[in-house]
Amino acid sequence: MIRVNFLLADQRVVQVRAEAGDSVMHVALMQEVEGILGECGGGMMCGTCHCYVGDEWVDAVGPACADEADLLEGAMAEILPSSRLSCRILLSQALDGLVVRIPQTQG
């Protein structure tokens, strides 16, 4: 099992366990993590699964693809170098312990 640590907007930490191959968005929705809406179901069409990857995990997760970066430009929350769509982050054993911060707003 892979551990994912969600830092919520109110500074609470929610740790969940997931399987390799799951997306961070899917895990968040299944575990009812506050702040990840995933309105398009992971189709990379809405941007409501915007998150910030923990600084120590940015290299392991990798950069956003061009289409993802374009969609992030329309996000309601501030876009940072660590911004990603959680639907595009697929979990692997290399990401065990991943830290993901949820923005104040989605949409």
PDB file of N, CA and C in Angstrom:
ATOM      1  N   MET A   1       0.836  -1.189   0.000  1.00  0.00           N
ATOM      2  CA  MET A   1       0.000   0.000   0.000  1.00  0.00           C
ATOM      3  C   MET A   1       0.881   1.253   0.000  1.00  0.00           C
ATOM      4  N   ILE A   2       0.372   2.269  -0.645  1.00  0.00           N
ATOM      5  CA  ILE A   2       1.076   3.548  -0.772  1.00  0.00           C
ATOM      6  C   ILE A   2       0.354   4.564   0.098  1.00  0.00           C
ATOM      7  N   ARG A   3       1.109   5.300   0.888  1.00  0.00           N
ATOM      8  CA  ARG A   3       0.540   6.343   1.739  1.00  0.00           C
ATOM      9  C   ARG A   3       0.569   7.679   1.011  1.00  0.00           C
ATOM     10  N   VAL A   4      -0.547   8.406   1.111  1.00  0.00           N
ATOM     11  CA  VAL A   4      -0.633   9.764   0.567  1.00  0.00           C
ATOM     12  C   VAL A   4      -1.101  10.657   1.703  1.00  0.00           C
ATOM     13  N   ASN A   5      -0.387  11.751   1.923  1.00  0.00           N
ATOM     14  CA  ASN A   5      -0.707  12.708   2.972  1.00  0.00           C
ATOM     15  C   ASN A   5      -1.279  13.964   2.347  1.00  0.00           C
ATOM     16  N   PHE A   6      -2.536  14.239   2.646  1.00  0.00           N
ATOM     17  CA  PHE A   6      -3.206  15.437   2.143  1.00  0.00           C
ATOM     18  C   PHE A   6      -3.166  16.505   3.229  1.00  0.00           C
ATOM     19  N   LEU A   7      -2.602  17.661   2.918  1.00  0.00           N
ATOM     20  CA  LEU A   7      -2.614  18.810   3.815  1.00  0.00           C
ATOM     21  C   LEU A   7      -3.788  19.672   3.381  1.00  0.00           C
ATOM     22  N   LEU A   8      -4.833  19.695   4.213  1.00  0.00           N
ATOM     23  CA  LEU A   8      -6.053  20.425   3.874  1.00  0.00           C
ATOM     24  C   LEU A   8      -5.879  21.917   4.069  1.00  0.00           C
ATOM     25  N   ALA A   9      -6.783  22.685   3.510  1.00  0.00           N
ATOM     26  CA  ALA A   9      -6.711  24.150   3.585  1.00  0.00           C
ATOM     27  C   ALA A   9      -6.723  24.643   5.027  1.00  0.00           C
ATOM     28  N   ASP A  10      -7.360  23.891   5.938  1.00  0.00           N
ATOM     29  CA  ASP A  10      -7.398  24.295   7.354  1.00  0.00           C
ATOM     30  C   ASP A  10      -6.202  23.751   8.143  1.00  0.00           C
ATOM     31  N   GLN A  11      -5.203  23.245   7.449  1.00  0.00           N
ATOM     32  CA  GLN A  11      -3.940  22.747   7.992  1.00  0.00           C
ATOM     33  C   GLN A  11      -4.023  21.346   8.612  1.00  0.00           C
ATOM     34  N   ARG A  12      -5.187  20.708   8.576  1.00  0.00           N
ATOM     35  CA  ARG A  12      -5.259  19.319   9.031  1.00  0.00           C
ATOM     36  C   ARG A  12      -4.570  18.431   8.001  1.00  0.00           C
ATOM     37  N   VAL A  13      -4.045  17.316   8.482  1.00  0.00           N
ATOM     38  CA  VAL A  13      -3.428  16.334   7.602  1.00  0.00           C
ATOM     39  C   VAL A  13      -4.295  15.077   7.615  1.00  0.00           C
ATOM     40  N   VAL A  14      -4.610  14.599   6.427  1.00  0.00           N
ATOM     41  CA  VAL A  14      -5.359  13.354   6.275  1.00  0.00           C
ATOM     42  C   VAL A  14      -4.458  12.390   5.526  1.00  0.00           C
ATOM     43  N   GLN A  15      -4.144  11.264   6.166  1.00  0.00           N
ATOM     44  CA  GLN A  15      -3.323  10.253   5.506  1.00  0.00           C
ATOM     45  C   GLN A  15      -4.224   9.119   5.031  1.00  0.00           C
ATOM     46  N   VAL A  16      -4.067   8.738   3.789  1.00  0.00           N
ATOM     47  CA  VAL A  16      -4.847   7.638   3.221  1.00  0.00           C
ATOM     48  C   VAL A  16      -3.886   6.624   2.612  1.00  0.00           C
ATOM     49  N   ARG A  17      -4.401   5.438   2.392  1.00  0.00           N
ATOM     50  CA  ARG A  17      -3.630   4.376   1.740  1.00  0.00           C
ATOM     51  C   ARG A  17      -4.252   4.099   0.380  1.00  0.00           C
ATOM     52  N   ALA A  18      -3.393   3.792  -0.576  1.00  0.00           N
ATOM     53  CA  ALA A  18      -3.856   3.607  -1.945  1.00  0.00           C
ATOM     54  C   ALA A  18      -3.065   2.495  -2.616  1.00  0.00           C
ATOM     55  N   GLU A  19      -3.546   2.105  -3.770  1.00  0.00           N
ATOM     56  CA  GLU A  19      -2.888   1.083  -4.583  1.00  0.00           C
ATOM     57  C   GLU A  19      -2.067   1.748  -5.685  1.00  0.00           C
ATOM     58  N   ALA A  20      -1.021   1.089  -6.101  1.00  0.00           N
ATOM     59  CA  ALA A  20      -0.243   1.552  -7.249  1.00  0.00           C
ATOM     60  C   ALA A  20      -1.166   1.631  -8.462  1.00  0.00           C
ATOM     61  N   GLY A  21      -1.012   2.687  -9.236  1.00  0.00           N
ATOM     62  CA  GLY A  21      -1.830   2.897 -10.422  1.00  0.00           C
ATOM     63  C   GLY A  21      -3.034   3.782 -10.191  1.00  0.00           C
ATOM     64  N   ASP A  22      -3.450   3.953  -8.931  1.00  0.00           N
ATOM     65  CA  ASP A  22      -4.547   4.876  -8.619  1.00  0.00           C
ATOM     66  C   ASP A  22      -4.064   6.306  -8.844  1.00  0.00           C
ATOM     67  N   SER A  23      -4.974   7.184  -9.228  1.00  0.00           N
ATOM     68  CA  SER A  23      -4.616   8.601  -9.293  1.00  0.00           C
ATOM     69  C   SER A  23      -4.844   9.221  -7.913  1.00  0.00           C
ATOM     70  N   VAL A  24      -4.123  10.275  -7.639  1.00  0.00           N
ATOM     71  CA  VAL A  24      -4.304  10.992  -6.370  1.00  0.00           C
ATOM     72  C   VAL A  24      -5.741  11.492  -6.268  1.00  0.00           C
ATOM     73  N   MET A  25      -6.334  11.950  -7.384  1.00  0.00           N
ATOM     74  CA  MET A  25      -7.719  12.417  -7.365  1.00  0.00           C
ATOM     75  C   MET A  25      -8.676  11.287  -6.986  1.00  0.00           C
ATOM     76  N   HIS A  26      -8.517  10.123  -7.591  1.00  0.00           N
ATOM     77  CA  HIS A  26      -9.390   8.990  -7.308  1.00  0.00           C
ATOM     78  C   HIS A  26      -9.316   8.619  -5.823  1.00  0.00           C
ATOM     79  N   VAL A  27      -8.119   8.571  -5.290  1.00  0.00           N
ATOM     80  CA  VAL A  27      -7.929   8.248  -3.877  1.00  0.00           C
ATOM     81  C   VAL A  27      -8.623   9.284  -3.003  1.00  0.00           C
ATOM     82  N   ALA A  28      -8.447  10.560  -3.335  1.00  0.00           N
ATOM     83  CA  ALA A  28      -9.072  11.630  -2.554  1.00  0.00           C
ATOM     84  C   ALA A  28     -10.590  11.515  -2.582  1.00  0.00           C
ATOM     85  N   LEU A  29     -11.155  11.249  -3.743  1.00  0.00           N
ATOM     86  CA  LEU A  29     -12.610  11.125  -3.844  1.00  0.00           C
ATOM     87  C   LEU A  29     -13.120   9.902  -3.087  1.00  0.00           C
ATOM     88  N   MET A  30     -12.428   8.791  -3.199  1.00  0.00           N
ATOM     89  CA  MET A  30     -12.863   7.562  -2.525  1.00  0.00           C
ATOM     90  C   MET A  30     -12.789   7.698  -1.007  1.00  0.00           C
ATOM     91  N   GLN A  31     -11.822   8.487  -0.525  1.00  0.00           N
ATOM     92  CA  GLN A  31     -11.641   8.678   0.916  1.00  0.00           C
ATOM     93  C   GLN A  31     -12.319   9.957   1.424  1.00  0.00           C
ATOM     94  N   GLU A  32     -13.062  10.635   0.535  1.00  0.00           N
ATOM     95  CA  GLU A  32     -13.781  11.861   0.870  1.00  0.00           C
ATOM     96  C   GLU A  32     -12.882  12.936   1.487  1.00  0.00           C
ATOM     97  N   VAL A  33     -11.717  13.133   0.865  1.00  0.00           N
ATOM     98  CA  VAL A  33     -10.792  14.179   1.294  1.00  0.00           C
ATOM     99  C   VAL A  33     -11.376  15.529   0.878  1.00  0.00           C
ATOM    100  N   GLU A  34     -11.489  16.436   1.820  1.00  0.00           N
ATOM    101  CA  GLU A  34     -12.063  17.759   1.555  1.00  0.00           C
ATOM    102  C   GLU A  34     -11.193  18.549   0.586  1.00  0.00           C
ATOM    103  N   GLY A  35     -11.847  19.205  -0.384  1.00  0.00           N
ATOM    104  CA  GLY A  35     -11.149  20.137  -1.256  1.00  0.00           C
ATOM    105  C   GLY A  35     -10.823  19.611  -2.634  1.00  0.00           C
ATOM    106  N   ILE A  36     -10.917  18.319  -2.852  1.00  0.00           N
ATOM    107  CA  ILE A  36     -10.738  17.754  -4.189  1.00  0.00           C
ATOM    108  C   ILE A  36     -12.123  17.425  -4.712  1.00  0.00           C
ATOM    109  N   LEU A  37     -12.532  18.131  -5.769  1.00  0.00           N
ATOM    110  CA  LEU A  37     -13.880  17.946  -6.300  1.00  0.00           C
ATOM    111  C   LEU A  37     -13.925  16.936  -7.442  1.00  0.00           C
ATOM    112  N   GLY A  38     -12.980  17.009  -8.342  1.00  0.00           N
ATOM    113  CA  GLY A  38     -12.912  16.073  -9.460  1.00  0.00           C
ATOM    114  C   GLY A  38     -14.196  15.987 -10.263  1.00  0.00           C
ATOM    115  N   GLU A  39     -14.750  17.133 -10.614  1.00  0.00           N
ATOM    116  CA  GLU A  39     -16.060  17.186 -11.280  1.00  0.00           C
ATOM    117  C   GLU A  39     -16.092  16.442 -12.611  1.00  0.00           C
ATOM    118  N   CYS A  40     -14.995  16.380 -13.330  1.00  0.00           N
ATOM    119  CA  CYS A  40     -15.005  15.698 -14.631  1.00  0.00           C
ATOM    120  C   CYS A  40     -14.616  14.230 -14.506  1.00  0.00           C
ATOM    121  N   GLY A  41     -14.377  13.769 -13.298  1.00  0.00           N
ATOM    122  CA  GLY A  41     -14.060  12.360 -13.096  1.00  0.00           C
ATOM    123  C   GLY A  41     -12.670  11.955 -13.531  1.00  0.00           C
ATOM    124  N   GLY A  42     -11.798  12.897 -13.716  1.00  0.00           N
ATOM    125  CA  GLY A  42     -10.426  12.588 -14.103  1.00  0.00           C
ATOM    126  C   GLY A  42     -10.163  12.720 -15.586  1.00  0.00           C
ATOM    127  N   GLY A  43     -11.058  13.374 -16.299  1.00  0.00           N
ATOM    128  CA  GLY A  43     -10.912  13.538 -17.739  1.00  0.00           C
ATOM    129  C   GLY A  43     -10.047  14.710 -18.153  1.00  0.00           C
ATOM    130  N   MET A  44      -9.434  15.382 -17.194  1.00  0.00           N
ATOM    131  CA  MET A  44      -8.592  16.561 -17.440  1.00  0.00           C
ATOM    132  C   MET A  44      -9.351  17.615 -18.237  1.00  0.00           C
ATOM    133  N   MET A  45     -10.564  17.924 -17.734  1.00  0.00           N
ATOM    134  CA  MET A  45     -11.410  18.898 -18.423  1.00  0.00           C
ATOM    135  C   MET A  45     -11.876  20.031 -17.522  1.00  0.00           C
ATOM    136  N   CYS A  46     -11.705  19.906 -16.192  1.00  0.00           N
ATOM    137  CA  CYS A  46     -12.339  20.906 -15.336  1.00  0.00           C
ATOM    138  C   CYS A  46     -11.370  21.644 -14.403  1.00  0.00           C
ATOM    139  N   GLY A  47     -10.297  21.038 -14.000  1.00  0.00           N
ATOM    140  CA  GLY A  47      -9.354  21.687 -13.092  1.00  0.00           C
ATOM    141  C   GLY A  47      -9.767  21.687 -11.632  1.00  0.00           C
ATOM    142  N   THR A  48     -10.834  20.958 -11.264  1.00  0.00           N
ATOM    143  CA  THR A  48     -11.306  20.975  -9.871  1.00  0.00           C
ATOM    144  C   THR A  48     -10.591  19.954  -8.992  1.00  0.00           C
ATOM    145  N   CYS A  49      -9.474  19.452  -9.473  1.00  0.00           N
ATOM    146  CA  CYS A  49      -8.646  18.561  -8.653  1.00  0.00           C
ATOM    147  C   CYS A  49      -7.242  19.145  -8.494  1.00  0.00           C
ATOM    148  N   HIS A  50      -7.136  20.457  -8.694  1.00  0.00           N
ATOM    149  CA  HIS A  50      -5.863  21.169  -8.549  1.00  0.00           C
ATOM    150  C   HIS A  50      -5.280  20.894  -7.172  1.00  0.00           C
ATOM    151  N   CYS A  51      -3.989  20.669  -7.110  1.00  0.00           N
ATOM    152  CA  CYS A  51      -3.294  20.482  -5.842  1.00  0.00           C
ATOM    153  C   CYS A  51      -1.873  20.997  -5.980  1.00  0.00           C
ATOM    154  N   TYR A  52      -1.205  21.092  -4.852  1.00  0.00           N
ATOM    155  CA  TYR A  52       0.207  21.464  -4.823  1.00  0.00           C
ATOM    156  C   TYR A  52       0.975  20.258  -4.295  1.00  0.00           C
ATOM    157  N   VAL A  53       1.953  19.813  -5.037  1.00  0.00           N
ATOM    158  CA  VAL A  53       2.793  18.708  -4.615  1.00  0.00           C
ATOM    159  C   VAL A  53       3.815  19.247  -3.623  1.00  0.00           C
ATOM    160  N   GLY A  54       4.029  18.512  -2.532  1.00  0.00           N
ATOM    161  CA  GLY A  54       5.033  18.917  -1.552  1.00  0.00           C
ATOM    162  C   GLY A  54       6.386  19.132  -2.216  1.00  0.00           C
ATOM    163  N   ASP A  55       7.105  20.163  -1.782  1.00  0.00           N
ATOM    164  CA  ASP A  55       8.375  20.532  -2.420  1.00  0.00           C
ATOM    165  C   ASP A  55       9.328  19.353  -2.578  1.00  0.00           C
ATOM    166  N   GLU A  56       9.382  18.494  -1.576  1.00  0.00           N
ATOM    167  CA  GLU A  56      10.310  17.364  -1.614  1.00  0.00           C
ATOM    168  C   GLU A  56       9.869  16.268  -2.587  1.00  0.00           C
ATOM    169  N   TRP A  57       8.667  16.394  -3.144  1.00  0.00           N
ATOM    170  CA  TRP A  57       8.110  15.394  -4.050  1.00  0.00           C
ATOM    171  C   TRP A  57       8.002  15.873  -5.499  1.00  0.00           C
ATOM    172  N   VAL A  58       8.306  17.126  -5.760  1.00  0.00           N
ATOM    173  CA  VAL A  58       8.118  17.697  -7.091  1.00  0.00           C
ATOM    174  C   VAL A  58       8.886  16.911  -8.158  1.00  0.00           C
ATOM    175  N   ASP A  59      10.137  16.594  -7.907  1.00  0.00           N
ATOM    176  CA  ASP A  59      10.932  15.871  -8.897  1.00  0.00           C
ATOM    177  C   ASP A  59      10.401  14.458  -9.118  1.00  0.00           C
ATOM    178  N   ALA A  60      10.004  13.787  -8.042  1.00  0.00           N
ATOM    179  CA  ALA A  60       9.497  12.412  -8.152  1.00  0.00           C
ATOM    180  C   ALA A  60       8.184  12.359  -8.936  1.00  0.00           C
ATOM    181  N   VAL A  61       7.330  13.364  -8.738  1.00  0.00           N
ATOM    182  CA  VAL A  61       6.043  13.402  -9.435  1.00  0.00           C
ATOM    183  C   VAL A  61       6.242  13.814 -10.885  1.00  0.00           C
ATOM    184  N   GLY A  62       7.152  14.729 -11.120  1.00  0.00           N
ATOM    185  CA  GLY A  62       7.419  15.194 -12.482  1.00  0.00           C
ATOM    186  C   GLY A  62       6.553  16.394 -12.843  1.00  0.00           C
ATOM    187  N   PRO A  63       6.858  17.005 -13.972  1.00  0.00           N
ATOM    188  CA  PRO A  63       6.143  18.220 -14.379  1.00  0.00           C
ATOM    189  C   PRO A  63       4.794  17.902 -15.032  1.00  0.00           C
ATOM    190  N   ALA A  64       3.968  18.922 -15.081  1.00  0.00           N
ATOM    191  CA  ALA A  64       2.683  18.821 -15.788  1.00  0.00           C
ATOM    192  C   ALA A  64       2.955  18.759 -17.290  1.00  0.00           C
ATOM    193  N   CYS A  65       2.131  17.997 -17.995  1.00  0.00           N
ATOM    194  CA  CYS A  65       2.221  17.993 -19.455  1.00  0.00           C
ATOM    195  C   CYS A  65       1.659  19.320 -19.968  1.00  0.00           C
ATOM    196  N   ALA A  66       1.827  19.598 -21.236  1.00  0.00           N
ATOM    197  CA  ALA A  66       1.391  20.873 -21.821  1.00  0.00           C
ATOM    198  C   ALA A  66      -0.115  21.077 -21.656  1.00  0.00           C
ATOM    199  N   ASP A  67      -0.925  20.056 -21.913  1.00  0.00           N
ATOM    200  CA  ASP A  67      -2.385  20.187 -21.779  1.00  0.00           C
ATOM    201  C   ASP A  67      -2.789  20.456 -20.334  1.00  0.00           C
ATOM    202  N   GLU A  68      -2.120  19.781 -19.409  1.00  0.00           N
ATOM    203  CA  GLU A  68      -2.403  19.989 -17.988  1.00  0.00           C
ATOM    204  C   GLU A  68      -2.036  21.415 -17.582  1.00  0.00           C
ATOM    205  N   ALA A  69      -0.892  21.893 -18.016  1.00  0.00           N
ATOM    206  CA  ALA A  69      -0.455  23.255 -17.701  1.00  0.00           C
ATOM    207  C   ALA A  69      -1.445  24.278 -18.242  1.00  0.00           C
ATOM    208  N   ASP A  70      -1.960  24.039 -19.446  1.00  0.00           N
ATOM    209  CA  ASP A  70      -2.956  24.948 -20.022  1.00  0.00           C
ATOM    210  C   ASP A  70      -4.221  24.982 -19.171  1.00  0.00           C
ATOM    211  N   LEU A  71      -4.677  23.836 -18.730  1.00  0.00           N
ATOM    212  CA  LEU A  71      -5.883  23.768 -17.914  1.00  0.00           C
ATOM    213  C   LEU A  71      -5.661  24.428 -16.549  1.00  0.00           C
ATOM    214  N   LEU A  72      -4.482  24.258 -15.994  1.00  0.00           N
ATOM    215  CA  LEU A  72      -4.179  24.877 -14.699  1.00  0.00           C
ATOM    216  C   LEU A  72      -4.247  26.403 -14.762  1.00  0.00           C
ATOM    217  N   GLU A  73      -3.994  26.984 -15.925  1.00  0.00           N
ATOM    218  CA  GLU A  73      -4.048  28.442 -16.055  1.00  0.00           C
ATOM    219  C   GLU A  73      -5.418  28.994 -15.685  1.00  0.00           C
ATOM    220  N   GLY A  74      -6.462  28.194 -15.799  1.00  0.00           N
ATOM    221  CA  GLY A  74      -7.805  28.633 -15.462  1.00  0.00           C
ATOM    222  C   GLY A  74      -8.224  28.297 -14.038  1.00  0.00           C
ATOM    223  N   ALA A  75      -7.315  27.761 -13.239  1.00  0.00           N
ATOM    224  CA  ALA A  75      -7.656  27.387 -11.861  1.00  0.00           C
ATOM    225  C   ALA A  75      -7.968  28.626 -11.027  1.00  0.00           C
ATOM    226  N   MET A  76      -8.855  28.449 -10.042  1.00  0.00           N
ATOM    227  CA  MET A  76      -9.241  29.566  -9.178  1.00  0.00           C
ATOM    228  C   MET A  76      -8.148  29.928  -8.184  1.00  0.00           C
ATOM    229  N   ALA A  77      -7.402  28.938  -7.720  1.00  0.00           N
ATOM    230  CA  ALA A  77      -6.350  29.180  -6.735  1.00  0.00           C
ATOM    231  C   ALA A  77      -5.055  29.579  -7.440  1.00  0.00           C
ATOM    232  N   GLU A  78      -4.160  30.163  -6.693  1.00  0.00           N
ATOM    233  CA  GLU A  78      -2.859  30.569  -7.219  1.00  0.00           C
ATOM    234  C   GLU A  78      -2.138  29.370  -7.827  1.00  0.00           C
ATOM    235  N   ILE A  79      -1.520  29.595  -8.975  1.00  0.00           N
ATOM    236  CA  ILE A  79      -0.737  28.557  -9.627  1.00  0.00           C
ATOM    237  C   ILE A  79       0.716  28.713  -9.181  1.00  0.00           C
ATOM    238  N   LEU A  80       1.273  27.637  -8.676  1.00  0.00           N
ATOM    239  CA  LEU A  80       2.654  27.612  -8.199  1.00  0.00           C
ATOM    240  C   LEU A  80       3.445  26.615  -9.043  1.00  0.00           C
ATOM    241  N   PRO A  81       4.767  26.658  -8.951  1.00  0.00           N
ATOM    242  CA  PRO A  81       5.558  25.666  -9.692  1.00  0.00           C
ATOM    243  C   PRO A  81       5.195  24.217  -9.314  1.00  0.00           C
ATOM    244  N   SER A  82       4.670  24.013  -8.126  1.00  0.00           N
ATOM    245  CA  SER A  82       4.296  22.671  -7.668  1.00  0.00           C
ATOM    246  C   SER A  82       2.851  22.311  -8.001  1.00  0.00           C
ATOM    247  N   SER A  83       2.130  23.176  -8.716  1.00  0.00           N
ATOM    248  CA  SER A  83       0.734  22.912  -9.067  1.00  0.00           C
ATOM    249  C   SER A  83       0.627  21.741 -10.032  1.00  0.00           C
ATOM    250  N   ARG A  84      -0.317  20.866  -9.743  1.00  0.00           N
ATOM    251  CA  ARG A  84      -0.632  19.743 -10.619  1.00  0.00           C
ATOM    252  C   ARG A  84      -2.118  19.458 -10.531  1.00  0.00           C
ATOM    253  N   LEU A  85      -2.640  18.749 -11.507  1.00  0.00           N
ATOM    254  CA  LEU A  85      -3.982  18.199 -11.415  1.00  0.00           C
ATOM    255  C   LEU A  85      -3.823  16.819 -10.790  1.00  0.00           C
ATOM    256  N   SER A  86      -4.537  16.583  -9.703  1.00  0.00           N
ATOM    257  CA  SER A  86      -4.350  15.314  -8.999  1.00  0.00           C
ATOM    258  C   SER A  86      -4.825  14.123  -9.821  1.00  0.00           C
ATOM    259  N   CYS A  87      -5.653  14.356 -10.828  1.00  0.00           N
ATOM    260  CA  CYS A  87      -6.076  13.260 -11.710  1.00  0.00           C
ATOM    261  C   CYS A  87      -4.933  12.765 -12.582  1.00  0.00           C
ATOM    262  N   ARG A  88      -3.883  13.570 -12.722  1.00  0.00           N
ATOM    263  CA  ARG A  88      -2.745  13.213 -13.577  1.00  0.00           C
ATOM    264  C   ARG A  88      -1.577  12.646 -12.796  1.00  0.00           C
ATOM    265  N   ILE A  89      -1.698  12.548 -11.479  1.00  0.00           N
ATOM    266  CA  ILE A  89      -0.618  11.982 -10.668  1.00  0.00           C
ATOM    267  C   ILE A  89      -0.987  10.535 -10.371  1.00  0.00           C
ATOM    268  N   LEU A  90      -0.286   9.618 -11.037  1.00  0.00           N
ATOM    269  CA  LEU A  90      -0.525   8.192 -10.820  1.00  0.00           C
ATOM    270  C   LEU A  90       0.456   7.678  -9.773  1.00  0.00           C
ATOM    271  N   LEU A  91      -0.086   6.983  -8.808  1.00  0.00           N
ATOM    272  CA  LEU A  91       0.723   6.529  -7.682  1.00  0.00           C
ATOM    273  C   LEU A  91       1.542   5.297  -8.030  1.00  0.00           C
ATOM    274  N   SER A  92       2.732   5.276  -7.472  1.00  0.00           N
ATOM    275  CA  SER A  92       3.630   4.130  -7.568  1.00  0.00           C
ATOM    276  C   SER A  92       4.337   4.008  -6.220  1.00  0.00           C
ATOM    277  N   GLN A  93       5.028   2.917  -6.022  1.00  0.00           N
ATOM    278  CA  GLN A  93       5.739   2.721  -4.761  1.00  0.00           C
ATOM    279  C   GLN A  93       6.740   3.849  -4.530  1.00  0.00           C
ATOM    280  N   ALA A  94       7.277   4.427  -5.589  1.00  0.00           N
ATOM    281  CA  ALA A  94       8.232   5.542  -5.467  1.00  0.00           C
ATOM    282  C   ALA A  94       7.593   6.775  -4.845  1.00  0.00           C
ATOM    283  N   LEU A  95       6.258   6.848  -4.839  1.00  0.00           N
ATOM    284  CA  LEU A  95       5.555   8.002  -4.265  1.00  0.00           C
ATOM    285  C   LEU A  95       4.969   7.692  -2.888  1.00  0.00           C
ATOM    286  N   ASP A  96       5.406   6.595  -2.265  1.00  0.00           N
ATOM    287  CA  ASP A  96       4.926   6.265  -0.918  1.00  0.00           C
ATOM    288  C   ASP A  96       5.317   7.370   0.054  1.00  0.00           C
ATOM    289  N   GLY A  97       4.313   7.968   0.713  1.00  0.00           N
ATOM    290  CA  GLY A  97       4.539   9.088   1.620  1.00  0.00           C
ATOM    291  C   GLY A  97       4.294  10.443   0.979  1.00  0.00           C
ATOM    292  N   LEU A  98       3.841  10.457  -0.271  1.00  0.00           N
ATOM    293  CA  LEU A  98       3.592  11.694  -1.014  1.00  0.00           C
ATOM    294  C   LEU A  98       2.799  12.701  -0.175  1.00  0.00           C
ATOM    295  N   VAL A  99       3.217  13.953  -0.253  1.00  0.00           N
ATOM    296  CA  VAL A  99       2.507  15.047   0.418  1.00  0.00           C
ATOM    297  C   VAL A  99       1.868  15.920  -0.660  1.00  0.00           C
ATOM    298  N   VAL A 100       0.561  16.146  -0.511  1.00  0.00           N
ATOM    299  CA  VAL A 100      -0.209  16.948  -1.447  1.00  0.00           C
ATOM    300  C   VAL A 100      -0.976  17.993  -0.646  1.00  0.00           C
ATOM    301  N   ARG A 101      -0.796  19.255  -1.013  1.00  0.00           N
ATOM    302  CA  ARG A 101      -1.525  20.339  -0.333  1.00  0.00           C
ATOM    303  C   ARG A 101      -2.719  20.739  -1.188  1.00  0.00           C
ATOM    304  N   ILE A 102      -3.860  20.902  -0.535  1.00  0.00           N
ATOM    305  CA  ILE A 102      -5.104  21.255  -1.210  1.00  0.00           C
ATOM    306  C   ILE A 102      -5.270  22.774  -1.162  1.00  0.00           C
ATOM    307  N   PRO A 103      -5.570  23.425  -2.295  1.00  0.00           N
ATOM    308  CA  PRO A 103      -5.759  24.879  -2.282  1.00  0.00           C
ATOM    309  C   PRO A 103      -7.040  25.286  -1.549  1.00  0.00           C
ATOM    310  N   GLN A 104      -7.122  26.554  -1.212  1.00  0.00           N
ATOM    311  CA  GLN A 104      -8.294  27.099  -0.517  1.00  0.00           C
ATOM    312  C   GLN A 104      -9.560  26.962  -1.344  1.00  0.00           C
ATOM    313  N   THR A 105      -9.444  27.122  -2.684  1.00  0.00           N
ATOM    314  CA  THR A 105     -10.618  27.093  -3.546  1.00  0.00           C
ATOM    315  C   THR A 105     -10.350  26.204  -4.757  1.00  0.00           C
ATOM    316  N   GLN A 106     -11.434  25.670  -5.315  1.00  0.00           N
ATOM    317  CA  GLN A 106     -11.378  24.887  -6.543  1.00  0.00           C
ATOM    318  C   GLN A 106     -12.438  25.442  -7.472  1.00  0.00           C
ATOM    319  N   GLY A 107     -12.330  25.117  -8.719  1.00  0.00           N
ATOM    320  CA  GLY A 107     -13.389  25.513  -9.628  1.00  0.00           C
ATOM    321  C   GLY A 107     -12.893  25.855 -10.990  1.00  0.00           C
TER     322      GLY A 107
END
